[in-house]
Amino acid sequence: MKTLRECVKEAKENKVAVGHFNISNLEALWGIFRAAQSLNLPVIIGASEGERDYIGVPQVTALVKSIREQYNYPIFLNADHTYSFERVKEAIDAGFDSVIFDGAKLSFEENVKITKQCVEYARSVNPDILVEAELGFIGTSSKVLDAIPDGVLLDESSLTDPVKAKEFVEQTGVDMLAPAIGNFHGMLRGGIDPKLNIERTKAISEAVGIPLVLHGGSGNSEDDFKQAIANGVSIVHINTEIRVAFKQGLMLGLNENPDEVAPYKYLKTSIKAVQDVVEKKLRFFNNI
């Protein structure tokens, strides 16, 4: 079975993207896995600090690894949005396949310093662990929004600078970079998010020479996905749309079975709702 590093490398070469989907529970994990399995595509399970605290760090590691081993399937686990070296270390020590240090709110120098520390530690434990960093602020919360998050600016001067991105990558040795290219976490209520800046995406990709990661993919259009992937994005993160689908599936399950008290029965519609969203996204990401 291929490693995550190999899967991301192949995605970059083939101008497709590996789908990254966050979970807070077992039901979402099954929905994501079944979608990926139905298309025979690798998939990344994301767990942010809050999600890891809810599920448990060793518990989410065991869940994902058990599926990978039982089905001999390329399903991987990423420590999404981690804000300190200590918590990056925690995920690495637990056996995560990749980690993200999110220093977007820090100064450039401090972001470089801690990212480099994370890279060095990951290499010392297991060279196959991928380390990703963020350069450019895109918000912090995966939820349905009434407006673009505070502090997120979409004008060209506020997007990630290709020159600074190149400097950042050279100084840290990071494996992947999540830039600000007109994306933001969460999704706007009742509509499509503003278009991504594809020209900037291409410029950053050419400058850094490593895979780019698109965060905040919920709400972006199919055309934006395809253009971003064609110009350097090798992983796409989806979270808010999964949360919305799960909630809608849960409401449907409860409405259809008002007297049911067994969670494994009324949660089946949540699993199916997540599976449907993930399968649709994976088709976009892989030109299927």
C-alpha atoms as a PDB file:
ATOM      1  CA  MET A   1       0.000   0.000   0.000  1.00  0.00           C
ATOM      2  CA  LYS A   2       1.237   3.477  -0.855  1.00  0.00           C
ATOM      3  CA  THR A   3       2.205   5.981   1.804  1.00  0.00           C
ATOM      4  CA  LEU A   4       0.477   9.341   2.091  1.00  0.00           C
ATOM      5  CA  ARG A   5       3.627  10.986   0.742  1.00  0.00           C
ATOM      6  CA  GLU A   6       3.408   8.811  -2.370  1.00  0.00           C
ATOM      7  CA  CYS A   7      -0.329   9.499  -2.806  1.00  0.00           C
ATOM      8  CA  VAL A   8       0.176  13.269  -2.614  1.00  0.00           C
ATOM      9  CA  LYS A   9       3.153  13.100  -5.004  1.00  0.00           C
ATOM     10  CA  GLU A  10       1.056  11.171  -7.530  1.00  0.00           C
ATOM     11  CA  ALA A  11      -1.825  13.618  -7.152  1.00  0.00           C
ATOM     12  CA  LYS A  12       0.473  16.546  -7.906  1.00  0.00           C
ATOM     13  CA  GLU A  13       1.945  14.788 -10.950  1.00  0.00           C
ATOM     14  CA  ASN A  14      -1.492  13.835 -12.294  1.00  0.00           C
ATOM     15  CA  LYS A  15      -3.086  17.225 -11.492  1.00  0.00           C
ATOM     16  CA  VAL A  16      -5.733  15.748  -9.238  1.00  0.00           C
ATOM     17  CA  ALA A  17      -6.232  16.205  -5.497  1.00  0.00           C
ATOM     18  CA  VAL A  18      -6.519  13.961  -2.464  1.00  0.00           C
ATOM     19  CA  GLY A  19      -9.675  14.716  -0.510  1.00  0.00           C
ATOM     20  CA  HIS A  20      -9.308  15.686   3.161  1.00  0.00           C
ATOM     21  CA  PHE A  21     -12.468  15.423   5.271  1.00  0.00           C
ATOM     22  CA  ASN A  22     -12.819  16.140   8.986  1.00  0.00           C
ATOM     23  CA  ILE A  23     -14.597  14.011  11.541  1.00  0.00           C
ATOM     24  CA  SER A  24     -15.945  14.382  15.058  1.00  0.00           C
ATOM     25  CA  ASN A  25     -17.353  10.874  15.389  1.00  0.00           C
ATOM     26  CA  LEU A  26     -17.395   7.339  14.043  1.00  0.00           C
ATOM     27  CA  GLU A  27     -20.434   7.900  11.817  1.00  0.00           C
ATOM     28  CA  ALA A  28     -18.670  10.563   9.746  1.00  0.00           C
ATOM     29  CA  LEU A  29     -15.600   8.327   9.463  1.00  0.00           C
ATOM     30  CA  TRP A  30     -17.669   5.491   7.983  1.00  0.00           C
ATOM     31  CA  GLY A  31     -19.414   7.849   5.577  1.00  0.00           C
ATOM     32  CA  ILE A  32     -16.089   9.218   4.306  1.00  0.00           C
ATOM     33  CA  PHE A  33     -14.453   5.821   4.031  1.00  0.00           C
ATOM     34  CA  ARG A  34     -17.378   4.291   2.138  1.00  0.00           C
ATOM     35  CA  ALA A  35     -17.355   7.160  -0.352  1.00  0.00           C
ATOM     36  CA  ALA A  36     -13.615   6.823  -0.999  1.00  0.00           C
ATOM     37  CA  GLN A  37     -13.844   3.047  -1.198  1.00  0.00           C
ATOM     38  CA  SER A  38     -16.659   3.233  -3.757  1.00  0.00           C
ATOM     39  CA  LEU A  39     -14.345   5.228  -6.058  1.00  0.00           C
ATOM     40  CA  ASN A  40     -11.133   3.409  -5.096  1.00  0.00           C
ATOM     41  CA  LEU A  41      -9.399   6.666  -4.131  1.00  0.00           C
ATOM     42  CA  PRO A  42      -7.051   7.486  -1.258  1.00  0.00           C
ATOM     43  CA  VAL A  43      -8.517   9.733   1.411  1.00  0.00           C
ATOM     44  CA  ILE A  44      -7.335  11.786   4.379  1.00  0.00           C
ATOM     45  CA  ILE A  45      -9.276  11.984   7.625  1.00  0.00           C
ATOM     46  CA  GLY A  46      -8.764  15.301   9.396  1.00  0.00           C
ATOM     47  CA  ALA A  47      -9.110  15.983  13.099  1.00  0.00           C
ATOM     48  CA  SER A  48      -8.544  19.508  14.392  1.00  0.00           C
ATOM     49  CA  GLU A  49      -7.485  20.232  17.977  1.00  0.00           C
ATOM     50  CA  GLY A  50     -11.126  20.523  19.053  1.00  0.00           C
ATOM     51  CA  GLU A  51     -12.143  17.387  17.185  1.00  0.00           C
ATOM     52  CA  ARG A  52      -9.185  15.467  18.637  1.00  0.00           C
ATOM     53  CA  ASP A  53     -10.096  16.596  22.130  1.00  0.00           C
ATOM     54  CA  TYR A  54     -13.649  15.352  21.594  1.00  0.00           C
ATOM     55  CA  ILE A  55     -12.775  11.942  20.113  1.00  0.00           C
ATOM     56  CA  GLY A  56      -9.457  11.399  21.885  1.00  0.00           C
ATOM     57  CA  VAL A  57      -6.032  11.507  20.246  1.00  0.00           C
ATOM     58  CA  PRO A  58      -5.166   7.800  20.649  1.00  0.00           C
ATOM     59  CA  GLN A  59      -8.771   6.843  19.921  1.00  0.00           C
ATOM     60  CA  VAL A  60      -8.983   8.576  16.526  1.00  0.00           C
ATOM     61  CA  THR A  61      -5.579   7.139  15.617  1.00  0.00           C
ATOM     62  CA  ALA A  62      -6.783   3.635  16.457  1.00  0.00           C
ATOM     63  CA  LEU A  63     -10.037   4.077  14.514  1.00  0.00           C
ATOM     64  CA  VAL A  64      -8.378   5.175  11.268  1.00  0.00           C
ATOM     65  CA  LYS A  65      -5.561   2.639  11.507  1.00  0.00           C
ATOM     66  CA  SER A  66      -8.031  -0.185  12.173  1.00  0.00           C
ATOM     67  CA  ILE A  67      -9.868   0.580   8.919  1.00  0.00           C
ATOM     68  CA  ARG A  68      -6.586   0.877   7.002  1.00  0.00           C
ATOM     69  CA  GLU A  69      -5.410  -2.499   8.290  1.00  0.00           C
ATOM     70  CA  GLN A  70      -8.727  -4.338   7.951  1.00  0.00           C
ATOM     71  CA  TYR A  71      -9.360  -3.226   4.387  1.00  0.00           C
ATOM     72  CA  ASN A  72      -5.714  -2.732   3.325  1.00  0.00           C
ATOM     73  CA  TYR A  73      -6.820   0.704   2.173  1.00  0.00           C
ATOM     74  CA  PRO A  74      -4.987   4.053   1.770  1.00  0.00           C
ATOM     75  CA  ILE A  75      -6.905   5.998   4.412  1.00  0.00           C
ATOM     76  CA  PHE A  76      -4.718   8.427   6.353  1.00  0.00           C
ATOM     77  CA  LEU A  77      -4.987  10.622   9.445  1.00  0.00           C
ATOM     78  CA  ASN A  78      -4.034  14.288   9.634  1.00  0.00           C
ATOM     79  CA  ALA A  79      -3.743  16.517  12.699  1.00  0.00           C
ATOM     80  CA  ASP A  80      -5.584  19.483  11.249  1.00  0.00           C
ATOM     81  CA  HIS A  81      -5.031  23.071  12.477  1.00  0.00           C
ATOM     82  CA  THR A  82      -2.607  22.642  15.340  1.00  0.00           C
ATOM     83  CA  TYR A  83      -1.439  25.799  17.065  1.00  0.00           C
ATOM     84  CA  SER A  84       1.582  24.760  19.130  1.00  0.00           C
ATOM     85  CA  PHE A  85       4.642  22.552  18.853  1.00  0.00           C
ATOM     86  CA  GLU A  86       3.482  20.589  21.894  1.00  0.00           C
ATOM     87  CA  ARG A  87       0.248  19.535  20.226  1.00  0.00           C
ATOM     88  CA  VAL A  88       2.030  18.758  16.951  1.00  0.00           C
ATOM     89  CA  LYS A  89       4.389  16.523  18.938  1.00  0.00           C
ATOM     90  CA  GLU A  90       1.389  14.857  20.606  1.00  0.00           C
ATOM     91  CA  ALA A  91      -0.075  13.910  17.219  1.00  0.00           C
ATOM     92  CA  ILE A  92       3.253  12.711  15.836  1.00  0.00           C
ATOM     93  CA  ASP A  93       3.860  10.571  18.907  1.00  0.00           C
ATOM     94  CA  ALA A  94       0.336   9.110  18.590  1.00  0.00           C
ATOM     95  CA  GLY A  95       1.056   7.930  15.043  1.00  0.00           C
ATOM     96  CA  PHE A  96      -0.688  10.492  12.818  1.00  0.00           C
ATOM     97  CA  ASP A  97       0.355  10.368   9.153  1.00  0.00           C
ATOM     98  CA  SER A  98       0.576  14.137   8.802  1.00  0.00           C
ATOM     99  CA  VAL A  99       0.363  17.273  10.911  1.00  0.00           C
ATOM    100  CA  ILE A 100      -0.403  20.922  10.280  1.00  0.00           C
ATOM    101  CA  PHE A 101       1.182  23.674  12.285  1.00  0.00           C
ATOM    102  CA  ASP A 102      -1.054  26.710  11.866  1.00  0.00           C
ATOM    103  CA  GLY A 103       1.037  29.790  12.544  1.00  0.00           C
ATOM    104  CA  ALA A 104      -0.976  32.072  10.273  1.00  0.00           C
ATOM    105  CA  LYS A 105      -1.611  34.546  13.096  1.00  0.00           C
ATOM    106  CA  LEU A 106       2.048  34.685  14.110  1.00  0.00           C
ATOM    107  CA  SER A 107       4.787  36.878  12.710  1.00  0.00           C
ATOM    108  CA  PHE A 108       6.632  35.459   9.716  1.00  0.00           C
ATOM    109  CA  GLU A 109       9.716  34.849  11.864  1.00  0.00           C
ATOM    110  CA  GLU A 110       7.832  33.056  14.642  1.00  0.00           C
ATOM    111  CA  ASN A 111       5.898  30.963  12.111  1.00  0.00           C
ATOM    112  CA  VAL A 112       9.190  29.904  10.515  1.00  0.00           C
ATOM    113  CA  LYS A 113      10.749  29.085  13.885  1.00  0.00           C
ATOM    114  CA  ILE A 114       7.970  26.796  15.142  1.00  0.00           C
ATOM    115  CA  THR A 115       7.305  25.207  11.749  1.00  0.00           C
ATOM    116  CA  LYS A 116      10.981  24.308  11.446  1.00  0.00           C
ATOM    117  CA  GLN A 117      10.862  22.786  14.934  1.00  0.00           C
ATOM    118  CA  CYS A 118       7.861  20.676  13.894  1.00  0.00           C
ATOM    119  CA  VAL A 119       9.597  19.511  10.708  1.00  0.00           C
ATOM    120  CA  GLU A 120      12.757  18.529  12.555  1.00  0.00           C
ATOM    121  CA  TYR A 121      10.821  16.557  15.161  1.00  0.00           C
ATOM    122  CA  ALA A 122       8.722  14.739  12.562  1.00  0.00           C
ATOM    123  CA  ARG A 123      11.847  13.759  10.610  1.00  0.00           C
ATOM    124  CA  SER A 124      13.460  12.406  13.786  1.00  0.00           C
ATOM    125  CA  VAL A 125      10.441  10.188  14.533  1.00  0.00           C
ATOM    126  CA  ASN A 126       9.373   9.030  11.065  1.00  0.00           C
ATOM    127  CA  PRO A 127      10.515  10.555   7.745  1.00  0.00           C
ATOM    128  CA  ASP A 128       7.218   9.496   6.132  1.00  0.00           C
ATOM    129  CA  ILE A 129       5.207  11.913   8.300  1.00  0.00           C
ATOM    130  CA  LEU A 130       4.184  14.954   6.256  1.00  0.00           C
ATOM    131  CA  VAL A 131       4.343  18.398   7.808  1.00  0.00           C
ATOM    132  CA  GLU A 132       2.189  21.215   6.475  1.00  0.00           C
ATOM    133  CA  ALA A 133       2.241  24.876   7.404  1.00  0.00           C
ATOM    134  CA  GLU A 134       0.012  27.884   6.781  1.00  0.00           C
ATOM    135  CA  LEU A 135       1.040  31.239   5.414  1.00  0.00           C
ATOM    136  CA  GLY A 136      -1.796  33.750   5.185  1.00  0.00           C
ATOM    137  CA  PHE A 137      -4.846  34.111   7.411  1.00  0.00           C
ATOM    138  CA  ILE A 138      -8.120  32.504   6.245  1.00  0.00           C
ATOM    139  CA  GLY A 139     -10.125  32.391   9.476  1.00  0.00           C
ATOM    140  CA  THR A 140     -10.394  29.614  12.031  1.00  0.00           C
ATOM    141  CA  SER A 141     -13.931  28.218  12.267  1.00  0.00           C
ATOM    142  CA  SER A 142     -15.681  25.634  10.084  1.00  0.00           C
ATOM    143  CA  LYS A 143     -19.281  26.785  10.213  1.00  0.00           C
ATOM    144  CA  VAL A 144     -22.019  28.384   8.131  1.00  0.00           C
ATOM    145  CA  LEU A 145     -21.339  32.127   7.931  1.00  0.00           C
ATOM    146  CA  ASP A 146     -23.412  35.224   7.251  1.00  0.00           C
ATOM    147  CA  ALA A 147     -20.320  37.119   6.082  1.00  0.00           C
ATOM    148  CA  ILE A 148     -16.634  36.598   5.330  1.00  0.00           C
ATOM    149  CA  PRO A 149     -14.824  36.038   8.678  1.00  0.00           C
ATOM    150  CA  ASP A 150     -13.294  38.983  10.521  1.00  0.00           C
ATOM    151  CA  GLY A 151      -9.665  39.520   9.604  1.00  0.00           C
ATOM    152  CA  VAL A 152      -9.946  37.714   6.270  1.00  0.00           C
ATOM    153  CA  LEU A 153      -9.234  40.040   3.351  1.00  0.00           C
ATOM    154  CA  LEU A 154      -9.569  38.821  -0.201  1.00  0.00           C
ATOM    155  CA  ASP A 155      -7.797  41.618  -2.068  1.00  0.00           C
ATOM    156  CA  GLU A 156      -4.563  40.688  -3.829  1.00  0.00           C
ATOM    157  CA  SER A 157      -2.333  42.528  -1.361  1.00  0.00           C
ATOM    158  CA  SER A 158      -3.690  40.345   1.478  1.00  0.00           C
ATOM    159  CA  LEU A 159      -3.118  37.004  -0.226  1.00  0.00           C
ATOM    160  CA  THR A 160       0.001  34.900   0.292  1.00  0.00           C
ATOM    161  CA  ASP A 161       3.023  36.449  -1.422  1.00  0.00           C
ATOM    162  CA  PRO A 162       4.835  33.946  -3.689  1.00  0.00           C
ATOM    163  CA  VAL A 163       8.235  35.423  -2.790  1.00  0.00           C
ATOM    164  CA  LYS A 164       7.571  35.107   0.953  1.00  0.00           C
ATOM    165  CA  ALA A 165       6.141  31.638   0.406  1.00  0.00           C
ATOM    166  CA  LYS A 166       9.359  30.529  -1.309  1.00  0.00           C
ATOM    167  CA  GLU A 167      11.423  31.988   1.525  1.00  0.00           C
ATOM    168  CA  PHE A 168       9.209  30.280   4.093  1.00  0.00           C
ATOM    169  CA  VAL A 169       9.493  26.858   2.460  1.00  0.00           C
ATOM    170  CA  GLU A 170      13.257  27.147   2.046  1.00  0.00           C
ATOM    171  CA  GLN A 171      13.753  28.117   5.694  1.00  0.00           C
ATOM    172  CA  THR A 172      11.451  25.467   7.184  1.00  0.00           C
ATOM    173  CA  GLY A 173      11.774  22.446   4.880  1.00  0.00           C
ATOM    174  CA  VAL A 174       8.019  21.935   5.147  1.00  0.00           C
ATOM    175  CA  ASP A 175       6.406  19.284   2.899  1.00  0.00           C
ATOM    176  CA  MET A 176       3.218  21.153   1.978  1.00  0.00           C
ATOM    177  CA  LEU A 177       1.938  24.705   2.171  1.00  0.00           C
ATOM    178  CA  ALA A 178      -1.558  26.055   2.784  1.00  0.00           C
ATOM    179  CA  PRO A 179      -1.710  29.573   1.309  1.00  0.00           C
ATOM    180  CA  ALA A 180      -4.344  32.285   1.351  1.00  0.00           C
ATOM    181  CA  ILE A 181      -5.632  32.417  -2.236  1.00  0.00           C
ATOM    182  CA  GLY A 182      -9.099  33.871  -1.722  1.00  0.00           C
ATOM    183  CA  ASN A 183     -10.296  30.950   0.397  1.00  0.00           C
ATOM    184  CA  PHE A 184     -11.589  31.030   3.963  1.00  0.00           C
ATOM    185  CA  HIS A 185     -12.818  28.569   6.559  1.00  0.00           C
ATOM    186  CA  GLY A 186     -16.526  27.964   6.739  1.00  0.00           C
ATOM    187  CA  MET A 187     -19.054  28.615   3.984  1.00  0.00           C
ATOM    188  CA  LEU A 188     -21.405  31.471   3.258  1.00  0.00           C
ATOM    189  CA  ARG A 189     -25.057  30.855   4.021  1.00  0.00           C
ATOM    190  CA  GLY A 190     -27.168  30.241   0.933  1.00  0.00           C
ATOM    191  CA  GLY A 191     -24.544  30.741  -1.746  1.00  0.00           C
ATOM    192  CA  ILE A 192     -21.200  30.022  -3.346  1.00  0.00           C
ATOM    193  CA  ASP A 193     -18.058  31.500  -1.825  1.00  0.00           C
ATOM    194  CA  PRO A 194     -16.145  34.198  -3.774  1.00  0.00           C
ATOM    195  CA  LYS A 195     -13.898  32.890  -6.542  1.00  0.00           C
ATOM    196  CA  LEU A 196     -10.389  31.762  -5.764  1.00  0.00           C
ATOM    197  CA  ASN A 197      -7.428  33.673  -7.171  1.00  0.00           C
ATOM    198  CA  ILE A 198      -6.068  31.100  -9.594  1.00  0.00           C
ATOM    199  CA  GLU A 199      -3.283  33.351 -10.902  1.00  0.00           C
ATOM    200  CA  ARG A 200      -1.913  33.701  -7.366  1.00  0.00           C
ATOM    201  CA  THR A 201      -2.290  29.955  -6.810  1.00  0.00           C
ATOM    202  CA  LYS A 202      -0.184  29.244  -9.880  1.00  0.00           C
ATOM    203  CA  ALA A 203       2.459  31.804  -8.912  1.00  0.00           C
ATOM    204  CA  ILE A 204       2.803  30.345  -5.397  1.00  0.00           C
ATOM    205  CA  SER A 205       2.984  26.792  -6.732  1.00  0.00           C
ATOM    206  CA  GLU A 206       5.722  27.694  -9.196  1.00  0.00           C
ATOM    207  CA  ALA A 207       7.654  29.553  -6.493  1.00  0.00           C
ATOM    208  CA  VAL A 208       7.604  26.859  -3.805  1.00  0.00           C
ATOM    209  CA  GLY A 209       7.681  23.651  -5.872  1.00  0.00           C
ATOM    210  CA  ILE A 210       5.828  21.616  -3.234  1.00  0.00           C
ATOM    211  CA  PRO A 211       2.168  20.528  -3.061  1.00  0.00           C
ATOM    212  CA  LEU A 212      -0.322  23.222  -2.065  1.00  0.00           C
ATOM    213  CA  VAL A 213      -3.275  22.528   0.205  1.00  0.00           C
ATOM    214  CA  LEU A 214      -6.606  24.289  -0.198  1.00  0.00           C
ATOM    215  CA  HIS A 215      -8.277  24.876   3.150  1.00  0.00           C
ATOM    216  CA  GLY A 216     -11.851  26.076   3.459  1.00  0.00           C
ATOM    217  CA  GLY A 217     -13.021  24.168   0.383  1.00  0.00           C
ATOM    218  CA  SER A 218     -16.649  24.088   1.543  1.00  0.00           C
ATOM    219  CA  GLY A 219     -18.652  26.463  -0.627  1.00  0.00           C
ATOM    220  CA  ASN A 220     -16.176  26.711  -3.500  1.00  0.00           C
ATOM    221  CA  SER A 221     -17.436  25.986  -7.007  1.00  0.00           C
ATOM    222  CA  GLU A 222     -16.573  22.967  -9.137  1.00  0.00           C
ATOM    223  CA  ASP A 223     -14.778  25.248 -11.591  1.00  0.00           C
ATOM    224  CA  ASP A 224     -12.668  26.757  -8.792  1.00  0.00           C
ATOM    225  CA  PHE A 225     -11.668  23.299  -7.606  1.00  0.00           C
ATOM    226  CA  LYS A 226     -10.634  22.187 -11.072  1.00  0.00           C
ATOM    227  CA  GLN A 227      -8.627  25.312 -11.803  1.00  0.00           C
ATOM    228  CA  ALA A 228      -6.916  25.334  -8.403  1.00  0.00           C
ATOM    229  CA  ILE A 229      -5.975  21.667  -8.748  1.00  0.00           C
ATOM    230  CA  ALA A 230      -4.658  22.229 -12.260  1.00  0.00           C
ATOM    231  CA  ASN A 231      -2.431  24.978 -10.871  1.00  0.00           C
ATOM    232  CA  GLY A 232      -0.774  23.327  -7.899  1.00  0.00           C
ATOM    233  CA  VAL A 233      -3.335  22.287  -5.259  1.00  0.00           C
ATOM    234  CA  SER A 234      -2.857  18.616  -4.341  1.00  0.00           C
ATOM    235  CA  ILE A 235      -5.079  18.315  -1.246  1.00  0.00           C
ATOM    236  CA  VAL A 236      -8.496  19.903  -0.655  1.00  0.00           C
ATOM    237  CA  HIS A 237     -10.033  20.270   2.815  1.00  0.00           C
ATOM    238  CA  ILE A 238     -13.777  19.964   3.363  1.00  0.00           C
ATOM    239  CA  ASN A 239     -15.354  20.229   6.799  1.00  0.00           C
ATOM    240  CA  THR A 240     -18.343  22.577   7.019  1.00  0.00           C
ATOM    241  CA  GLU A 241     -20.277  20.817   4.249  1.00  0.00           C
ATOM    242  CA  ILE A 242     -19.784  17.518   6.082  1.00  0.00           C
ATOM    243  CA  ARG A 243     -21.099  19.016   9.310  1.00  0.00           C
ATOM    244  CA  VAL A 244     -24.142  20.420   7.536  1.00  0.00           C
ATOM    245  CA  ALA A 245     -24.825  17.102   5.790  1.00  0.00           C
ATOM    246  CA  PHE A 246     -24.467  15.165   9.039  1.00  0.00           C
ATOM    247  CA  LYS A 247     -26.928  17.438  10.847  1.00  0.00           C
ATOM    248  CA  GLN A 248     -29.450  17.272   8.011  1.00  0.00           C
ATOM    249  CA  GLY A 249     -29.135  13.485   7.929  1.00  0.00           C
ATOM    250  CA  LEU A 250     -29.637  13.307  11.673  1.00  0.00           C
ATOM    251  CA  MET A 251     -32.758  15.472  11.528  1.00  0.00           C
ATOM    252  CA  LEU A 252     -34.126  13.281   8.738  1.00  0.00           C
ATOM    253  CA  GLY A 253     -33.408  10.113  10.712  1.00  0.00           C
ATOM    254  CA  LEU A 254     -35.103  11.443  13.817  1.00  0.00           C
ATOM    255  CA  ASN A 255     -38.125  12.740  11.877  1.00  0.00           C
ATOM    256  CA  GLU A 256     -38.564   9.438  10.062  1.00  0.00           C
ATOM    257  CA  ASN A 257     -38.171   7.432  13.272  1.00  0.00           C
ATOM    258  CA  PRO A 258     -39.580   9.586  16.104  1.00  0.00           C
ATOM    259  CA  ASP A 259     -39.931   6.653  18.496  1.00  0.00           C
ATOM    260  CA  GLU A 260     -36.522   5.106  17.777  1.00  0.00           C
ATOM    261  CA  VAL A 261     -33.981   5.266  20.623  1.00  0.00           C
ATOM    262  CA  ALA A 262     -31.176   3.159  19.128  1.00  0.00           C
ATOM    263  CA  PRO A 263     -28.553   5.606  17.756  1.00  0.00           C
ATOM    264  CA  TYR A 264     -27.177   3.095  15.259  1.00  0.00           C
ATOM    265  CA  LYS A 265     -30.590   3.038  13.589  1.00  0.00           C
ATOM    266  CA  TYR A 266     -31.443   6.738  13.333  1.00  0.00           C
ATOM    267  CA  LEU A 267     -27.830   7.718  12.523  1.00  0.00           C
ATOM    268  CA  LYS A 268     -27.788   5.687   9.301  1.00  0.00           C
ATOM    269  CA  THR A 269     -29.149   8.693   7.412  1.00  0.00           C
ATOM    270  CA  SER A 270     -26.275  10.828   8.738  1.00  0.00           C
ATOM    271  CA  ILE A 271     -23.712   8.335   7.463  1.00  0.00           C
ATOM    272  CA  LYS A 272     -25.377   8.274   4.042  1.00  0.00           C
ATOM    273  CA  ALA A 273     -25.584  12.082   3.880  1.00  0.00           C
ATOM    274  CA  VAL A 274     -21.856  12.405   4.615  1.00  0.00           C
ATOM    275  CA  GLN A 275     -21.057   9.674   2.113  1.00  0.00           C
ATOM    276  CA  ASP A 276     -22.985  11.450  -0.637  1.00  0.00           C
ATOM    277  CA  VAL A 277     -21.186  14.774  -0.071  1.00  0.00           C
ATOM    278  CA  VAL A 278     -17.754  13.157   0.037  1.00  0.00           C
ATOM    279  CA  GLU A 279     -18.336  11.093  -3.084  1.00  0.00           C
ATOM    280  CA  LYS A 280     -19.435  14.195  -5.000  1.00  0.00           C
ATOM    281  CA  LYS A 281     -16.340  16.126  -3.902  1.00  0.00           C
ATOM    282  CA  LEU A 282     -13.972  13.284  -4.705  1.00  0.00           C
ATOM    283  CA  ARG A 283     -15.377  13.129  -8.220  1.00  0.00           C
ATOM    284  CA  PHE A 284     -14.622  16.846  -8.672  1.00  0.00           C
ATOM    285  CA  PHE A 285     -11.113  16.493  -7.281  1.00  0.00           C
ATOM    286  CA  ASN A 286     -10.261  13.573  -9.554  1.00  0.00           C
ATOM    287  CA  ASN A 287     -12.053  14.539 -12.795  1.00  0.00           C
ATOM    288  CA  ILE A 288     -14.352  11.541 -12.574  1.00  0.00           C
END
